[in-house]
Amino acid sequence: MLVFVSIFVESPMMDNVIKSLSEMDEVVGLYEVTGEFDIISLIKCRDIEEFRHILKDKILKIQGVKSTVSAVVLHAHKGNLNSE
């Protein structure tokens, strides 16, 4: 299962958040972006229960993370997204 997690970050904590996310095995893509969000991460997990754990017990506990918006990948039509 793949999930895009868009993250709002307290600006002074950007480096801390990026470092913490980059050390997580479940994070398979990590992008600092312009626009509505500060970071977009791609999370790989087994199922919705594992994703809940990653979001609740890992991502949201990183100092500097204000909030998140998640989008579950239903199907990859093009690209290297592989949930296997």
PDB file of N, CA and C in Angstrom:
ATOM      1  N   MET A   1       0.842  -1.170   0.000  1.00  0.00           N
ATOM      2  CA  MET A   1       0.000   0.000   0.000  1.00  0.00           C
ATOM      3  C   MET A   1       0.891   1.237   0.000  1.00  0.00           C
ATOM      4  N   LEU A   2       0.528   2.217  -0.808  1.00  0.00           N
ATOM      5  CA  LEU A   2       1.269   3.478  -0.873  1.00  0.00           C
ATOM      6  C   LEU A   2       0.358   4.631  -0.488  1.00  0.00           C
ATOM      7  N   VAL A   3       0.911   5.577   0.260  1.00  0.00           N
ATOM      8  CA  VAL A   3       0.152   6.740   0.697  1.00  0.00           C
ATOM      9  C   VAL A   3       1.028   7.979   0.551  1.00  0.00           C
ATOM     10  N   PHE A   4       0.492   9.007  -0.122  1.00  0.00           N
ATOM     11  CA  PHE A   4       1.157  10.304  -0.127  1.00  0.00           C
ATOM     12  C   PHE A   4       0.715  11.044   1.123  1.00  0.00           C
ATOM     13  N   VAL A   5       1.681  11.534   1.898  1.00  0.00           N
ATOM     14  CA  VAL A   5       1.366  12.323   3.083  1.00  0.00           C
ATOM     15  C   VAL A   5       1.949  13.715   2.868  1.00  0.00           C
ATOM     16  N   SER A   6       1.056  14.694   2.746  1.00  0.00           N
ATOM     17  CA  SER A   6       1.464  16.092   2.615  1.00  0.00           C
ATOM     18  C   SER A   6       1.537  16.668   4.025  1.00  0.00           C
ATOM     19  N   ILE A   7       2.625  17.386   4.303  1.00  0.00           N
ATOM     20  CA  ILE A   7       2.909  17.785   5.683  1.00  0.00           C
ATOM     21  C   ILE A   7       3.097  19.297   5.770  1.00  0.00           C
ATOM     22  N   PHE A   8       2.408  19.901   6.733  1.00  0.00           N
ATOM     23  CA  PHE A   8       2.621  21.301   7.093  1.00  0.00           C
ATOM     24  C   PHE A   8       3.633  21.332   8.222  1.00  0.00           C
ATOM     25  N   VAL A   9       4.658  22.179   8.098  1.00  0.00           N
ATOM     26  CA  VAL A   9       5.773  22.199   9.050  1.00  0.00           C
ATOM     27  C   VAL A   9       5.940  23.602   9.637  1.00  0.00           C
ATOM     28  N   GLU A  10       6.285  23.673  10.916  1.00  0.00           N
ATOM     29  CA  GLU A  10       6.702  24.940  11.507  1.00  0.00           C
ATOM     30  C   GLU A  10       8.035  25.295  10.853  1.00  0.00           C
ATOM     31  N   SER A  11       8.094  26.438  10.180  1.00  0.00           N
ATOM     32  CA  SER A  11       9.243  26.800   9.344  1.00  0.00           C
ATOM     33  C   SER A  11      10.609  26.603   9.997  1.00  0.00           C
ATOM     34  N   PRO A  12      10.815  27.030  11.251  1.00  0.00           N
ATOM     35  CA  PRO A  12      12.147  26.864  11.844  1.00  0.00           C
ATOM     36  C   PRO A  12      12.546  25.394  12.051  1.00  0.00           C
ATOM     37  N   MET A  13      11.560  24.487  11.960  1.00  0.00           N
ATOM     38  CA  MET A  13      11.817  23.071  12.240  1.00  0.00           C
ATOM     39  C   MET A  13      11.955  22.229  10.975  1.00  0.00           C
ATOM     40  N   MET A  14      12.018  22.859   9.810  1.00  0.00           N
ATOM     41  CA  MET A  14      12.047  22.135   8.542  1.00  0.00           C
ATOM     42  C   MET A  14      13.172  21.099   8.494  1.00  0.00           C
ATOM     43  N   ASP A  15      14.393  21.497   8.839  1.00  0.00           N
ATOM     44  CA  ASP A  15      15.527  20.563   8.776  1.00  0.00           C
ATOM     45  C   ASP A  15      15.321  19.375   9.703  1.00  0.00           C
ATOM     46  N   ASN A  16      14.776  19.612  10.895  1.00  0.00           N
ATOM     47  CA  ASN A  16      14.512  18.537  11.851  1.00  0.00           C
ATOM     48  C   ASN A  16      13.489  17.559  11.292  1.00  0.00           C
ATOM     49  N   VAL A  17      12.424  18.079  10.705  1.00  0.00           N
ATOM     50  CA  VAL A  17      11.366  17.223  10.161  1.00  0.00           C
ATOM     51  C   VAL A  17      11.904  16.392   8.999  1.00  0.00           C
ATOM     52  N   ILE A  18      12.634  17.020   8.093  1.00  0.00           N
ATOM     53  CA  ILE A  18      13.198  16.297   6.947  1.00  0.00           C
ATOM     54  C   ILE A  18      14.145  15.203   7.417  1.00  0.00           C
ATOM     55  N   LYS A  19      14.988  15.516   8.387  1.00  0.00           N
ATOM     56  CA  LYS A  19      15.935  14.517   8.907  1.00  0.00           C
ATOM     57  C   LYS A  19      15.181  13.340   9.522  1.00  0.00           C
ATOM     58  N   SER A  20      14.182  13.625  10.337  1.00  0.00           N
ATOM     59  CA  SER A  20      13.414  12.561  10.998  1.00  0.00           C
ATOM     60  C   SER A  20      12.688  11.686   9.986  1.00  0.00           C
ATOM     61  N   LEU A  21      12.054  12.305   8.996  1.00  0.00           N
ATOM     62  CA  LEU A  21      11.350  11.528   7.979  1.00  0.00           C
ATOM     63  C   LEU A  21      12.313  10.692   7.142  1.00  0.00           C
ATOM     64  N   SER A  22      13.460  11.256   6.798  1.00  0.00           N
ATOM     65  CA  SER A  22      14.405  10.539   5.939  1.00  0.00           C
ATOM     66  C   SER A  22      14.990   9.308   6.637  1.00  0.00           C
ATOM     67  N   GLU A  23      14.934   9.274   7.953  1.00  0.00           N
ATOM     68  CA  GLU A  23      15.447   8.127   8.712  1.00  0.00           C
ATOM     69  C   GLU A  23      14.415   7.013   8.867  1.00  0.00           C
ATOM     70  N   MET A  24      13.174   7.259   8.447  1.00  0.00           N
ATOM     71  CA  MET A  24      12.116   6.245   8.561  1.00  0.00           C
ATOM     72  C   MET A  24      12.155   5.302   7.359  1.00  0.00           C
ATOM     73  N   ASP A  25      12.215   4.001   7.629  1.00  0.00           N
ATOM     74  CA  ASP A  25      12.240   3.006   6.556  1.00  0.00           C
ATOM     75  C   ASP A  25      10.984   3.056   5.692  1.00  0.00           C
ATOM     76  N   GLU A  26       9.850   3.413   6.270  1.00  0.00           N
ATOM     77  CA  GLU A  26       8.583   3.423   5.542  1.00  0.00           C
ATOM     78  C   GLU A  26       8.489   4.574   4.540  1.00  0.00           C
ATOM     79  N   VAL A  27       9.321   5.580   4.702  1.00  0.00           N
ATOM     80  CA  VAL A  27       9.308   6.721   3.776  1.00  0.00           C
ATOM     81  C   VAL A  27      10.164   6.361   2.570  1.00  0.00           C
ATOM     82  N   VAL A  28       9.512   6.181   1.411  1.00  0.00           N
ATOM     83  CA  VAL A  28      10.224   5.787   0.194  1.00  0.00           C
ATOM     84  C   VAL A  28      10.398   6.945  -0.775  1.00  0.00           C
ATOM     85  N   GLY A  29       9.777   8.081  -0.465  1.00  0.00           N
ATOM     86  CA  GLY A  29       9.944   9.302  -1.244  1.00  0.00           C
ATOM     87  C   GLY A  29       9.763  10.486  -0.322  1.00  0.00           C
ATOM     88  N   LEU A  30      10.596  11.514  -0.500  1.00  0.00           N
ATOM     89  CA  LEU A  30      10.533  12.672   0.388  1.00  0.00           C
ATOM     90  C   LEU A  30      10.885  13.917  -0.412  1.00  0.00           C
ATOM     91  N   TYR A  31       9.943  14.871  -0.472  1.00  0.00           N
ATOM     92  CA  TYR A  31      10.101  16.037  -1.335  1.00  0.00           C
ATOM     93  C   TYR A  31       9.748  17.311  -0.582  1.00  0.00           C
ATOM     94  N   GLU A  32      10.644  18.284  -0.594  1.00  0.00           N
ATOM     95  CA  GLU A  32      10.341  19.619  -0.098  1.00  0.00           C
ATOM     96  C   GLU A  32       9.749  20.379  -1.274  1.00  0.00           C
ATOM     97  N   VAL A  33       8.553  20.951  -1.097  1.00  0.00           N
ATOM     98  CA  VAL A  33       7.817  21.505  -2.225  1.00  0.00           C
ATOM     99  C   VAL A  33       7.344  22.935  -1.960  1.00  0.00           C
ATOM    100  N   THR A  34       6.965  23.600  -3.043  1.00  0.00           N
ATOM    101  CA  THR A  34       6.303  24.898  -2.932  1.00  0.00           C
ATOM    102  C   THR A  34       4.802  24.655  -2.940  1.00  0.00           C
ATOM    103  N   GLY A  35       4.049  25.675  -2.608  1.00  0.00           N
ATOM    104  CA  GLY A  35       2.602  25.551  -2.670  1.00  0.00           C
ATOM    105  C   GLY A  35       1.984  25.415  -1.301  1.00  0.00           C
ATOM    106  N   GLU A  36       0.864  24.730  -1.246  1.00  0.00           N
ATOM    107  CA  GLU A  36       0.069  24.636  -0.025  1.00  0.00           C
ATOM    108  C   GLU A  36       0.783  23.892   1.101  1.00  0.00           C
ATOM    109  N   PHE A  37       1.564  22.881   0.762  1.00  0.00           N
ATOM    110  CA  PHE A  37       2.263  22.073   1.757  1.00  0.00           C
ATOM    111  C   PHE A  37       3.744  22.405   1.767  1.00  0.00           C
ATOM    112  N   ASP A  38       4.451  21.942   2.791  1.00  0.00           N
ATOM    113  CA  ASP A  38       5.895  22.143   2.877  1.00  0.00           C
ATOM    114  C   ASP A  38       6.664  20.913   2.412  1.00  0.00           C
ATOM    115  N   ILE A  39       6.133  19.733   2.728  1.00  0.00           N
ATOM    116  CA  ILE A  39       6.778  18.458   2.404  1.00  0.00           C
ATOM    117  C   ILE A  39       5.714  17.502   1.873  1.00  0.00           C
ATOM    118  N   ILE A  40       6.078  16.722   0.869  1.00  0.00           N
ATOM    119  CA  ILE A  40       5.242  15.596   0.454  1.00  0.00           C
ATOM    120  C   ILE A  40       6.097  14.343   0.586  1.00  0.00           C
ATOM    121  N   SER A  41       5.564  13.379   1.334  1.00  0.00           N
ATOM    122  CA  SER A  41       6.289  12.122   1.518  1.00  0.00           C
ATOM    123  C   SER A  41       5.462  10.985   0.934  1.00  0.00           C
ATOM    124  N   LEU A  42       6.152   9.951   0.504  1.00  0.00           N
ATOM    125  CA  LEU A  42       5.489   8.752   0.008  1.00  0.00           C
ATOM    126  C   LEU A  42       5.790   7.635   0.995  1.00  0.00           C
ATOM    127  N   ILE A  43       4.736   7.074   1.571  1.00  0.00           N
ATOM    128  CA  ILE A  43       4.860   6.047   2.601  1.00  0.00           C
ATOM    129  C   ILE A  43       4.478   4.694   2.011  1.00  0.00           C
ATOM    130  N   LYS A  44       5.289   3.687   2.282  1.00  0.00           N
ATOM    131  CA  LYS A  44       4.985   2.322   1.863  1.00  0.00           C
ATOM    132  C   LYS A  44       4.683   1.509   3.115  1.00  0.00           C
ATOM    133  N   CYS A  45       3.513   0.845   3.125  1.00  0.00           N
ATOM    134  CA  CYS A  45       3.113   0.046   4.279  1.00  0.00           C
ATOM    135  C   CYS A  45       2.264  -1.139   3.827  1.00  0.00           C
ATOM    136  N   ARG A  46       2.034  -2.068   4.751  1.00  0.00           N
ATOM    137  CA  ARG A  46       1.290  -3.285   4.420  1.00  0.00           C
ATOM    138  C   ARG A  46      -0.211  -3.050   4.261  1.00  0.00           C
ATOM    139  N   ASP A  47      -0.780  -2.253   5.181  1.00  0.00           N
ATOM    140  CA  ASP A  47      -2.231  -2.077   5.196  1.00  0.00           C
ATOM    141  C   ASP A  47      -2.584  -0.799   5.951  1.00  0.00           C
ATOM    142  N   ILE A  48      -3.880  -0.527   6.063  1.00  0.00           N
ATOM    143  CA  ILE A  48      -4.337   0.714   6.676  1.00  0.00           C
ATOM    144  C   ILE A  48      -3.979   0.777   8.160  1.00  0.00           C
ATOM    145  N   GLU A  49      -3.954  -0.349   8.829  1.00  0.00           N
ATOM    146  CA  GLU A  49      -3.588  -0.354  10.253  1.00  0.00           C
ATOM    147  C   GLU A  49      -2.123   0.033  10.447  1.00  0.00           C
ATOM    148  N   GLU A  50      -1.243  -0.473   9.586  1.00  0.00           N
ATOM    149  CA  GLU A  50       0.158  -0.084   9.679  1.00  0.00           C
ATOM    150  C   GLU A  50       0.307   1.401   9.346  1.00  0.00           C
ATOM    151  N   PHE A  51      -0.437   1.877   8.340  1.00  0.00           N
ATOM    152  CA  PHE A  51      -0.359   3.298   8.014  1.00  0.00           C
ATOM    153  C   PHE A  51      -0.824   4.151   9.189  1.00  0.00           C
ATOM    154  N   ARG A  52      -1.895   3.745   9.831  1.00  0.00           N
ATOM    155  CA  ARG A  52      -2.394   4.481  11.001  1.00  0.00           C
ATOM    156  C   ARG A  52      -1.299   4.600  12.053  1.00  0.00           C
ATOM    157  N   HIS A  53      -0.602   3.506  12.310  1.00  0.00           N
ATOM    158  CA  HIS A  53       0.488   3.502  13.287  1.00  0.00           C
ATOM    159  C   HIS A  53       1.608   4.462  12.859  1.00  0.00           C
ATOM    160  N   ILE A  54       1.998   4.393  11.595  1.00  0.00           N
ATOM    161  CA  ILE A  54       3.073   5.262  11.091  1.00  0.00           C
ATOM    162  C   ILE A  54       2.681   6.728  11.241  1.00  0.00           C
ATOM    163  N   LEU A  55       1.462   7.056  10.852  1.00  0.00           N
ATOM    164  CA  LEU A  55       1.007   8.439  10.922  1.00  0.00           C
ATOM    165  C   LEU A  55       0.882   8.911  12.365  1.00  0.00           C
ATOM    166  N   LYS A  56       0.165   8.158  13.179  1.00  0.00           N
ATOM    167  CA  LYS A  56      -0.148   8.568  14.550  1.00  0.00           C
ATOM    168  C   LYS A  56       1.053   8.513  15.477  1.00  0.00           C
ATOM    169  N   ASP A  57       1.829   7.450  15.383  1.00  0.00           N
ATOM    170  CA  ASP A  57       2.899   7.214  16.353  1.00  0.00           C
ATOM    171  C   ASP A  57       4.283   7.649  15.890  1.00  0.00           C
ATOM    172  N   LYS A  58       4.420   7.986  14.615  1.00  0.00           N
ATOM    173  CA  LYS A  58       5.728   8.407  14.111  1.00  0.00           C
ATOM    174  C   LYS A  58       5.672   9.815  13.526  1.00  0.00           C
ATOM    175  N   ILE A  59       4.951   9.985  12.418  1.00  0.00           N
ATOM    176  CA  ILE A  59       4.980  11.266  11.707  1.00  0.00           C
ATOM    177  C   ILE A  59       4.436  12.408  12.566  1.00  0.00           C
ATOM    178  N   LEU A  60       3.260  12.219  13.147  1.00  0.00           N
ATOM    179  CA  LEU A  60       2.648  13.304  13.923  1.00  0.00           C
ATOM    180  C   LEU A  60       3.379  13.602  15.230  1.00  0.00           C
ATOM    181  N   LYS A  61       4.296  12.740  15.623  1.00  0.00           N
ATOM    182  CA  LYS A  61       5.074  12.981  16.845  1.00  0.00           C
ATOM    183  C   LYS A  61       6.410  13.662  16.566  1.00  0.00           C
ATOM    184  N   ILE A  62       6.731  13.904  15.295  1.00  0.00           N
ATOM    185  CA  ILE A  62       7.969  14.607  14.956  1.00  0.00           C
ATOM    186  C   ILE A  62       7.808  16.071  15.342  1.00  0.00           C
ATOM    187  N   GLN A  63       8.752  16.579  16.103  1.00  0.00           N
ATOM    188  CA  GLN A  63       8.708  17.974  16.511  1.00  0.00           C
ATOM    189  C   GLN A  63       8.785  18.876  15.279  1.00  0.00           C
ATOM    190  N   GLY A  64       7.811  19.763  15.133  1.00  0.00           N
ATOM    191  CA  GLY A  64       7.765  20.662  13.984  1.00  0.00           C
ATOM    192  C   GLY A  64       6.670  20.329  12.995  1.00  0.00           C
ATOM    193  N   VAL A  65       6.104  19.122  13.061  1.00  0.00           N
ATOM    194  CA  VAL A  65       4.985  18.765  12.182  1.00  0.00           C
ATOM    195  C   VAL A  65       3.718  19.388  12.761  1.00  0.00           C
ATOM    196  N   LYS A  66       3.071  20.259  11.980  1.00  0.00           N
ATOM    197  CA  LYS A  66       1.837  20.916  12.436  1.00  0.00           C
ATOM    198  C   LYS A  66       0.611  20.075  12.101  1.00  0.00           C
ATOM    199  N   SER A  67       0.538  19.589  10.857  1.00  0.00           N
ATOM    200  CA  SER A  67      -0.606  18.790  10.433  1.00  0.00           C
ATOM    201  C   SER A  67      -0.263  18.067   9.136  1.00  0.00           C
ATOM    202  N   THR A  68      -1.118  17.116   8.768  1.00  0.00           N
ATOM    203  CA  THR A  68      -0.898  16.331   7.559  1.00  0.00           C
ATOM    204  C   THR A  68      -2.206  16.169   6.793  1.00  0.00           C
ATOM    205  N   VAL A  69      -2.066  15.870   5.510  1.00  0.00           N
ATOM    206  CA  VAL A  69      -3.185  15.475   4.650  1.00  0.00           C
ATOM    207  C   VAL A  69      -2.715  14.250   3.885  1.00  0.00           C
ATOM    208  N   SER A  70      -3.484  13.170   3.940  1.00  0.00           N
ATOM    209  CA  SER A  70      -3.067  11.909   3.329  1.00  0.00           C
ATOM    210  C   SER A  70      -3.919  11.563   2.114  1.00  0.00           C
ATOM    211  N   ALA A  71      -3.282  10.896   1.144  1.00  0.00           N
ATOM    212  CA  ALA A  71      -3.970  10.404  -0.048  1.00  0.00           C
ATOM    213  C   ALA A  71      -3.468   9.003  -0.345  1.00  0.00           C
ATOM    214  N   VAL A  72      -4.352   8.029  -0.226  1.00  0.00           N
ATOM    215  CA  VAL A  72      -4.011   6.633  -0.503  1.00  0.00           C
ATOM    216  C   VAL A  72      -3.965   6.420  -2.011  1.00  0.00           C
ATOM    217  N   VAL A  73      -2.899   5.786  -2.494  1.00  0.00           N
ATOM    218  CA  VAL A  73      -2.777   5.470  -3.920  1.00  0.00           C
ATOM    219  C   VAL A  73      -3.676   4.278  -4.214  1.00  0.00           C
ATOM    220  N   LEU A  74      -4.643   4.478  -5.109  1.00  0.00           N
ATOM    221  CA  LEU A  74      -5.550   3.398  -5.502  1.00  0.00           C
ATOM    222  C   LEU A  74      -4.974   2.575  -6.640  1.00  0.00           C
ATOM    223  N   HIS A  75      -4.311   3.260  -7.582  1.00  0.00           N
ATOM    224  CA  HIS A  75      -3.731   2.573  -8.736  1.00  0.00           C
ATOM    225  C   HIS A  75      -2.702   3.500  -9.370  1.00  0.00           C
ATOM    226  N   ALA A  76      -1.564   2.961  -9.743  1.00  0.00           N
ATOM    227  CA  ALA A  76      -0.535   3.741 -10.440  1.00  0.00           C
ATOM    228  C   ALA A  76      -0.673   3.472 -11.938  1.00  0.00           C
ATOM    229  N   HIS A  77      -1.038   4.486 -12.689  1.00  0.00           N
ATOM    230  CA  HIS A  77      -1.201   4.340 -14.137  1.00  0.00           C
ATOM    231  C   HIS A  77       0.109   4.535 -14.880  1.00  0.00           C
ATOM    232  N   LYS A  78       1.023   5.281 -14.273  1.00  0.00           N
ATOM    233  CA  LYS A  78       2.301   5.550 -14.890  1.00  0.00           C
ATOM    234  C   LYS A  78       3.291   5.902 -13.788  1.00  0.00           C
ATOM    235  N   GLY A  79       4.536   5.505 -13.946  1.00  0.00           N
ATOM    236  CA  GLY A  79       5.541   5.837 -12.948  1.00  0.00           C
ATOM    237  C   GLY A  79       6.089   4.595 -12.278  1.00  0.00           C
ATOM    238  N   ASN A  80       6.940   4.813 -11.303  1.00  0.00           N
ATOM    239  CA  ASN A  80       7.619   3.716 -10.634  1.00  0.00           C
ATOM    240  C   ASN A  80       6.983   3.320  -9.311  1.00  0.00           C
ATOM    241  N   LEU A  81       5.754   3.743  -9.055  1.00  0.00           N
ATOM    242  CA  LEU A  81       5.096   3.393  -7.812  1.00  0.00           C
ATOM    243  C   LEU A  81       4.728   1.922  -7.832  1.00  0.00           C
ATOM    244  N   ASN A  82       5.304   1.190  -6.895  1.00  0.00           N
ATOM    245  CA  ASN A  82       5.057  -0.234  -6.813  1.00  0.00           C
ATOM    246  C   ASN A  82       4.826  -0.581  -5.358  1.00  0.00           C
ATOM    247  N   SER A  83       3.631  -1.032  -5.030  1.00  0.00           N
ATOM    248  CA  SER A  83       3.295  -1.317  -3.643  1.00  0.00           C
ATOM    249  C   SER A  83       3.700  -2.718  -3.215  1.00  0.00           C
ATOM    250  N   GLU A  84       4.282  -3.513  -4.087  1.00  0.00           N
ATOM    251  CA  GLU A  84       4.688  -4.881  -3.744  1.00  0.00           C
ATOM    252  C   GLU A  84       5.945  -4.882  -2.914  1.00  0.00           C
TER     253      GLU A  84
END
